[in-house]
């Protein structure tokens, strides 16, 4: 688990992270904290992440100890923000060249292909945060029976639209890049368009529903 505290990631940018469970109730607390901190004088941006909150200031904060105490107070208060947005249905081709690790996930979980796909398509996955790369959605809601370790040797390049699982998370790559997750399928969807407003297709509080359009065993 992550260490709780305030950590610098630049002269005017700080990360407040909390050692807490990865679930919707705790994520709602970060959403509420982001709103509260966004109203604070000198805060240029407050962005909720996965069990953390990133703060960007207009100038270097003078008293970091006081800032950390304020953040700790907000966390202990436990206020939550309930976000309910749109649901995006995404057709997935499970297995085949776009899902090369589907059988490995079966071996790791002790489930067969039909069971893996049934469990994976059952929930509506809430977007907890958007980050990592432009448009990428961190999702909550993966069935614990699909929990798998990260790959020992990451892939150097994974196409955009790749559907992967690792730990208690699942997600679709918004663009090509390296990955240490287990890729079980592929989708034809664009999560980020710099010419659109907003540029990201989904926001925190939105949800994704996966549908098995095709299975290539």
Foldseek 3Di string as FASTA:
>chain_A
DDDAFWADPDQFKIKGADPDDQDDLLLQLLVVVQVVVVPDPQWPHWFRDGRMIMTGGPHGDDDVVVVGVVSVVSVVVSDGDAFADAEAEFEKAFDDPLQPCQVVLCVQLVHDNVVVVCQAQPDWWFFSGDDPDPQWGKTADRDQSSEDAFAPDKDAKHAFFFWFHYGRTITTHQGIGIGRTRTTIGTDDHQADVVDVVRGPDGGNYTYGYDHPHYDD
